[in-house]
Amino acid sequence: MPRTPSGLFPSGPPTRPIYREPHPVTGGGVASGGGAAAGWLLLFGLLGTDVTSYAWWTVFAGLLAWVTALVLVRFGDRGVATGVAIVTAGGWSIAAAVVAVRWATSGDWPLW
């Protein structure tokens, strides 16, 4: 009577195909995407001369960054896209907090 193998050491190739991602998400990819997005938002934020222009430049830079992240998700590295999206959301949160503080202290809506 033949013995049934335990499966620890397979006797042949798998019965189903194994699919691997062409660009798996890695910590380095997420970190590099986050660093690139932070630099991008910083450069655009420095173009602002007051709270209004800072907020609008940050919104514009964030939209461009998210379009880039969507392209990276579809055709490139999903880890880099994840880092870009996370840092962009954080940058938008900082801009929203700056606008809210200015609004609370002055009583005037600063965006228009």
N, C-alpha and C. Protein backbone atom coordinates (compact mmCIF):
# COMPACT_ATOMS: atom_id res chain seq x y z
N MET A 1 0.84 -1.16 0.00
CA MET A 1 0.00 0.00 0.00
C MET A 1 0.90 1.25 0.00
N PRO A 2 0.71 2.14 -1.00
CA PRO A 2 1.55 3.34 -1.07
C PRO A 2 1.18 4.34 0.03
N ARG A 3 2.18 5.00 0.47
CA ARG A 3 2.00 5.97 1.54
C ARG A 3 1.62 7.34 0.97
N THR A 4 0.68 8.02 1.58
CA THR A 4 0.27 9.36 1.15
C THR A 4 1.29 10.37 1.68
N PRO A 5 1.85 11.19 0.79
CA PRO A 5 2.83 12.17 1.27
C PRO A 5 2.17 13.21 2.18
N SER A 6 2.95 13.76 3.08
CA SER A 6 2.42 14.72 4.06
C SER A 6 2.16 16.09 3.44
N GLY A 7 2.82 16.42 2.37
CA GLY A 7 2.68 17.73 1.76
C GLY A 7 3.79 18.68 2.15
N LEU A 8 4.62 18.26 3.11
CA LEU A 8 5.74 19.11 3.52
C LEU A 8 6.75 19.24 2.38
N PHE A 9 6.98 18.15 1.69
CA PHE A 9 7.87 18.14 0.54
C PHE A 9 7.05 17.73 -0.67
N PRO A 10 6.56 18.69 -1.47
CA PRO A 10 5.69 18.34 -2.59
C PRO A 10 6.42 17.45 -3.60
N SER A 11 5.69 16.52 -4.16
CA SER A 11 6.29 15.59 -5.11
C SER A 11 6.23 16.10 -6.54
N GLY A 12 5.51 17.17 -6.78
CA GLY A 12 5.40 17.71 -8.13
C GLY A 12 5.00 19.17 -8.11
N PRO A 13 4.80 19.74 -9.28
CA PRO A 13 4.40 21.14 -9.33
C PRO A 13 2.99 21.33 -8.76
N PRO A 14 2.66 22.54 -8.35
CA PRO A 14 1.32 22.78 -7.80
C PRO A 14 0.25 22.53 -8.86
N THR A 15 -0.92 22.16 -8.39
CA THR A 15 -2.00 21.86 -9.32
C THR A 15 -2.63 23.12 -9.88
N ARG A 16 -2.49 24.23 -9.20
CA ARG A 16 -3.02 25.49 -9.70
C ARG A 16 -1.87 26.44 -9.98
N PRO A 17 -2.04 27.37 -10.92
CA PRO A 17 -0.96 28.33 -11.17
C PRO A 17 -0.83 29.32 -10.00
N ILE A 18 0.36 29.79 -9.79
CA ILE A 18 0.63 30.77 -8.74
C ILE A 18 0.91 32.10 -9.42
N TYR A 19 0.10 33.09 -9.09
CA TYR A 19 0.26 34.41 -9.68
C TYR A 19 1.00 35.32 -8.70
N ARG A 20 1.98 36.03 -9.20
CA ARG A 20 2.75 36.95 -8.38
C ARG A 20 2.57 38.36 -8.92
N GLU A 21 2.60 39.32 -8.00
CA GLU A 21 2.49 40.72 -8.42
C GLU A 21 3.76 41.14 -9.13
N PRO A 22 3.63 41.93 -10.20
CA PRO A 22 4.85 42.43 -10.84
C PRO A 22 5.56 43.48 -9.99
N HIS A 23 4.81 44.23 -9.20
CA HIS A 23 5.39 45.27 -8.34
C HIS A 23 4.77 45.15 -6.95
N PRO A 24 5.26 44.25 -6.11
CA PRO A 24 4.67 44.11 -4.77
C PRO A 24 4.94 45.35 -3.91
N VAL A 25 4.05 45.60 -2.98
CA VAL A 25 4.20 46.74 -2.07
C VAL A 25 5.31 46.42 -1.07
N THR A 26 6.28 47.31 -0.96
CA THR A 26 7.38 47.14 -0.01
C THR A 26 7.48 48.39 0.86
N GLY A 27 8.10 48.24 2.00
CA GLY A 27 8.29 49.38 2.89
C GLY A 27 9.13 50.47 2.27
N GLY A 28 10.14 50.06 1.52
CA GLY A 28 10.98 51.05 0.85
C GLY A 28 10.22 51.85 -0.19
N GLY A 29 9.32 51.19 -0.91
CA GLY A 29 8.50 51.89 -1.89
C GLY A 29 7.57 52.89 -1.24
N VAL A 30 6.95 52.48 -0.14
CA VAL A 30 6.04 53.38 0.57
C VAL A 30 6.83 54.58 1.11
N ALA A 31 8.01 54.33 1.66
CA ALA A 31 8.83 55.41 2.21
C ALA A 31 9.30 56.37 1.12
N SER A 32 9.71 55.83 -0.03
CA SER A 32 10.17 56.71 -1.10
C SER A 32 9.02 57.53 -1.68
N GLY A 33 7.85 56.93 -1.80
CA GLY A 33 6.68 57.68 -2.26
C GLY A 33 6.30 58.77 -1.27
N GLY A 34 6.36 58.44 0.02
CA GLY A 34 6.06 59.44 1.04
C GLY A 34 7.06 60.58 1.04
N GLY A 35 8.33 60.25 0.88
CA GLY A 35 9.36 61.30 0.83
C GLY A 35 9.21 62.19 -0.38
N ALA A 36 8.91 61.59 -1.52
CA ALA A 36 8.71 62.38 -2.74
C ALA A 36 7.49 63.29 -2.60
N ALA A 37 6.42 62.77 -2.04
CA ALA A 37 5.21 63.59 -1.87
C ALA A 37 5.45 64.70 -0.85
N ALA A 38 6.20 64.42 0.21
CA ALA A 38 6.49 65.46 1.20
C ALA A 38 7.30 66.59 0.57
N GLY A 39 8.30 66.23 -0.22
CA GLY A 39 9.08 67.25 -0.92
C GLY A 39 8.24 68.05 -1.90
N TRP A 40 7.37 67.36 -2.63
CA TRP A 40 6.47 67.99 -3.60
C TRP A 40 5.55 69.00 -2.91
N LEU A 41 4.92 68.57 -1.82
CA LEU A 41 4.01 69.47 -1.10
C LEU A 41 4.77 70.63 -0.46
N LEU A 42 5.98 70.38 0.01
CA LEU A 42 6.78 71.44 0.60
C LEU A 42 7.13 72.50 -0.44
N LEU A 43 7.55 72.06 -1.62
CA LEU A 43 7.90 73.01 -2.67
C LEU A 43 6.70 73.87 -3.07
N PHE A 44 5.54 73.25 -3.23
CA PHE A 44 4.36 74.01 -3.59
C PHE A 44 3.87 74.87 -2.43
N GLY A 45 3.99 74.38 -1.21
CA GLY A 45 3.57 75.17 -0.05
C GLY A 45 4.42 76.42 0.13
N LEU A 46 5.69 76.34 -0.25
CA LEU A 46 6.57 77.50 -0.14
C LEU A 46 6.23 78.59 -1.15
N LEU A 47 5.47 78.27 -2.17
CA LEU A 47 5.04 79.28 -3.13
C LEU A 47 4.00 80.22 -2.54
N GLY A 48 3.30 79.76 -1.51
CA GLY A 48 2.27 80.58 -0.89
C GLY A 48 2.86 81.71 -0.06
N THR A 49 2.28 82.89 -0.20
CA THR A 49 2.75 84.05 0.55
C THR A 49 1.87 84.35 1.76
N ASP A 50 0.67 83.79 1.78
CA ASP A 50 -0.23 83.95 2.92
C ASP A 50 -1.02 82.66 3.07
N VAL A 51 -1.95 82.63 4.02
CA VAL A 51 -2.70 81.40 4.29
C VAL A 51 -3.53 80.99 3.07
N THR A 52 -4.14 81.96 2.41
CA THR A 52 -4.99 81.64 1.26
C THR A 52 -4.19 80.99 0.14
N SER A 53 -3.09 81.61 -0.24
CA SER A 53 -2.31 81.05 -1.34
C SER A 53 -1.65 79.73 -0.94
N TYR A 54 -1.22 79.62 0.34
CA TYR A 54 -0.66 78.35 0.80
C TYR A 54 -1.68 77.22 0.69
N ALA A 55 -2.91 77.49 1.11
CA ALA A 55 -3.94 76.46 1.06
C ALA A 55 -4.25 76.06 -0.37
N TRP A 56 -4.39 77.03 -1.27
CA TRP A 56 -4.72 76.69 -2.66
C TRP A 56 -3.56 75.99 -3.36
N TRP A 57 -2.32 76.41 -3.09
CA TRP A 57 -1.17 75.71 -3.67
C TRP A 57 -1.09 74.27 -3.16
N THR A 58 -1.42 74.07 -1.90
CA THR A 58 -1.38 72.72 -1.33
C THR A 58 -2.47 71.85 -1.93
N VAL A 59 -3.66 72.40 -2.13
CA VAL A 59 -4.74 71.64 -2.77
C VAL A 59 -4.34 71.27 -4.19
N PHE A 60 -3.79 72.22 -4.94
CA PHE A 60 -3.37 71.96 -6.32
C PHE A 60 -2.26 70.90 -6.37
N ALA A 61 -1.25 71.03 -5.51
CA ALA A 61 -0.16 70.05 -5.49
C ALA A 61 -0.67 68.68 -5.08
N GLY A 62 -1.61 68.63 -4.14
CA GLY A 62 -2.18 67.35 -3.72
C GLY A 62 -2.97 66.68 -4.82
N LEU A 63 -3.72 67.47 -5.59
CA LEU A 63 -4.46 66.88 -6.71
C LEU A 63 -3.51 66.29 -7.75
N LEU A 64 -2.44 67.02 -8.05
CA LEU A 64 -1.45 66.47 -8.99
C LEU A 64 -0.79 65.21 -8.44
N ALA A 65 -0.52 65.21 -7.15
CA ALA A 65 0.10 64.03 -6.52
C ALA A 65 -0.84 62.84 -6.57
N TRP A 66 -2.14 63.06 -6.34
CA TRP A 66 -3.08 61.94 -6.37
C TRP A 66 -3.29 61.42 -7.78
N VAL A 67 -3.25 62.30 -8.77
CA VAL A 67 -3.32 61.81 -10.16
C VAL A 67 -2.11 60.94 -10.45
N THR A 68 -0.95 61.38 -9.99
CA THR A 68 0.26 60.57 -10.15
C THR A 68 0.13 59.24 -9.42
N ALA A 69 -0.44 59.25 -8.23
CA ALA A 69 -0.63 58.01 -7.48
C ALA A 69 -1.58 57.07 -8.21
N LEU A 70 -2.63 57.60 -8.81
CA LEU A 70 -3.55 56.75 -9.58
C LEU A 70 -2.85 56.12 -10.78
N VAL A 71 -2.00 56.88 -11.45
CA VAL A 71 -1.24 56.33 -12.58
C VAL A 71 -0.28 55.25 -12.07
N LEU A 72 0.36 55.49 -10.93
CA LEU A 72 1.28 54.49 -10.38
C LEU A 72 0.55 53.22 -9.96
N VAL A 73 -0.65 53.36 -9.43
CA VAL A 73 -1.43 52.17 -9.06
C VAL A 73 -1.72 51.34 -10.29
N ARG A 74 -2.04 51.99 -11.39
CA ARG A 74 -2.43 51.26 -12.60
C ARG A 74 -1.23 50.69 -13.35
N PHE A 75 -0.16 51.48 -13.47
CA PHE A 75 0.94 51.09 -14.35
C PHE A 75 2.29 50.93 -13.64
N GLY A 76 2.39 51.30 -12.39
CA GLY A 76 3.70 51.30 -11.74
C GLY A 76 3.72 50.59 -10.41
N ASP A 77 4.37 51.20 -9.46
CA ASP A 77 4.60 50.61 -8.14
C ASP A 77 3.51 51.04 -7.18
N ARG A 78 2.73 50.09 -6.69
CA ARG A 78 1.63 50.40 -5.77
C ARG A 78 2.13 50.87 -4.42
N GLY A 79 3.32 50.45 -4.01
CA GLY A 79 3.87 50.91 -2.75
C GLY A 79 4.19 52.39 -2.78
N VAL A 80 4.79 52.85 -3.86
CA VAL A 80 5.08 54.27 -4.01
C VAL A 80 3.78 55.06 -4.04
N ALA A 81 2.78 54.55 -4.75
CA ALA A 81 1.48 55.22 -4.81
C ALA A 81 0.85 55.32 -3.43
N THR A 82 1.01 54.29 -2.62
CA THR A 82 0.47 54.32 -1.26
C THR A 82 1.15 55.41 -0.43
N GLY A 83 2.47 55.49 -0.52
CA GLY A 83 3.19 56.54 0.21
C GLY A 83 2.78 57.93 -0.23
N VAL A 84 2.62 58.12 -1.54
CA VAL A 84 2.19 59.42 -2.06
C VAL A 84 0.81 59.77 -1.52
N ALA A 85 -0.11 58.82 -1.55
CA ALA A 85 -1.48 59.09 -1.10
C ALA A 85 -1.54 59.40 0.39
N ILE A 86 -0.78 58.66 1.19
CA ILE A 86 -0.81 58.87 2.64
C ILE A 86 -0.25 60.25 3.00
N VAL A 87 0.88 60.60 2.43
CA VAL A 87 1.50 61.89 2.76
C VAL A 87 0.68 63.04 2.21
N THR A 88 0.07 62.87 1.05
CA THR A 88 -0.78 63.92 0.50
C THR A 88 -1.98 64.17 1.40
N ALA A 89 -2.58 63.11 1.90
CA ALA A 89 -3.70 63.28 2.83
C ALA A 89 -3.24 64.01 4.09
N GLY A 90 -2.06 63.68 4.57
CA GLY A 90 -1.52 64.39 5.73
C GLY A 90 -1.26 65.86 5.44
N GLY A 91 -0.74 66.15 4.26
CA GLY A 91 -0.50 67.54 3.87
C GLY A 91 -1.78 68.33 3.76
N TRP A 92 -2.81 67.70 3.20
CA TRP A 92 -4.12 68.37 3.14
C TRP A 92 -4.67 68.61 4.54
N SER A 93 -4.45 67.68 5.44
CA SER A 93 -4.93 67.85 6.82
C SER A 93 -4.23 69.02 7.49
N ILE A 94 -2.94 69.16 7.25
CA ILE A 94 -2.21 70.29 7.82
C ILE A 94 -2.73 71.60 7.25
N ALA A 95 -2.95 71.65 5.94
CA ALA A 95 -3.49 72.87 5.32
C ALA A 95 -4.87 73.19 5.87
N ALA A 96 -5.70 72.17 6.07
CA ALA A 96 -7.04 72.40 6.63
C ALA A 96 -6.95 72.93 8.06
N ALA A 97 -6.00 72.42 8.83
CA ALA A 97 -5.82 72.91 10.20
C ALA A 97 -5.36 74.36 10.21
N VAL A 98 -4.46 74.71 9.30
CA VAL A 98 -3.99 76.10 9.22
C VAL A 98 -5.15 77.02 8.86
N VAL A 99 -5.97 76.62 7.90
CA VAL A 99 -7.13 77.42 7.51
C VAL A 99 -8.11 77.54 8.68
N ALA A 100 -8.35 76.44 9.39
CA ALA A 100 -9.29 76.47 10.51
C ALA A 100 -8.79 77.37 11.64
N VAL A 101 -7.50 77.33 11.92
CA VAL A 101 -6.95 78.20 12.98
C VAL A 101 -7.07 79.66 12.57
N ARG A 102 -6.76 79.97 11.32
CA ARG A 102 -6.88 81.35 10.85
C ARG A 102 -8.32 81.82 10.91
N TRP A 103 -9.24 80.94 10.53
CA TRP A 103 -10.66 81.27 10.56
C TRP A 103 -11.13 81.50 12.00
N ALA A 104 -10.67 80.64 12.92
CA ALA A 104 -11.08 80.76 14.32
C ALA A 104 -10.51 82.02 14.98
N THR A 105 -9.30 82.41 14.60
CA THR A 105 -8.69 83.57 15.25
C THR A 105 -9.13 84.89 14.63
N SER A 106 -9.45 84.89 13.35
CA SER A 106 -9.82 86.16 12.70
C SER A 106 -11.32 86.32 12.53
N GLY A 107 -12.07 85.21 12.49
CA GLY A 107 -13.51 85.28 12.26
C GLY A 107 -13.86 85.50 10.80
N ASP A 108 -12.86 85.46 9.92
CA ASP A 108 -13.07 85.67 8.49
C ASP A 108 -12.59 84.43 7.75
N TRP A 109 -13.42 83.92 6.84
CA TRP A 109 -13.05 82.73 6.07
C TRP A 109 -11.88 83.07 5.16
N PRO A 110 -10.74 82.41 5.31
CA PRO A 110 -9.53 82.85 4.61
C PRO A 110 -9.39 82.40 3.15
N LEU A 111 -10.25 81.54 2.64
CA LEU A 111 -10.00 81.02 1.30
C LEU A 111 -10.58 81.88 0.17
N TRP A 112 -11.49 82.80 0.48
CA TRP A 112 -11.94 83.72 -0.56
C TRP A 112 -12.48 84.98 0.02
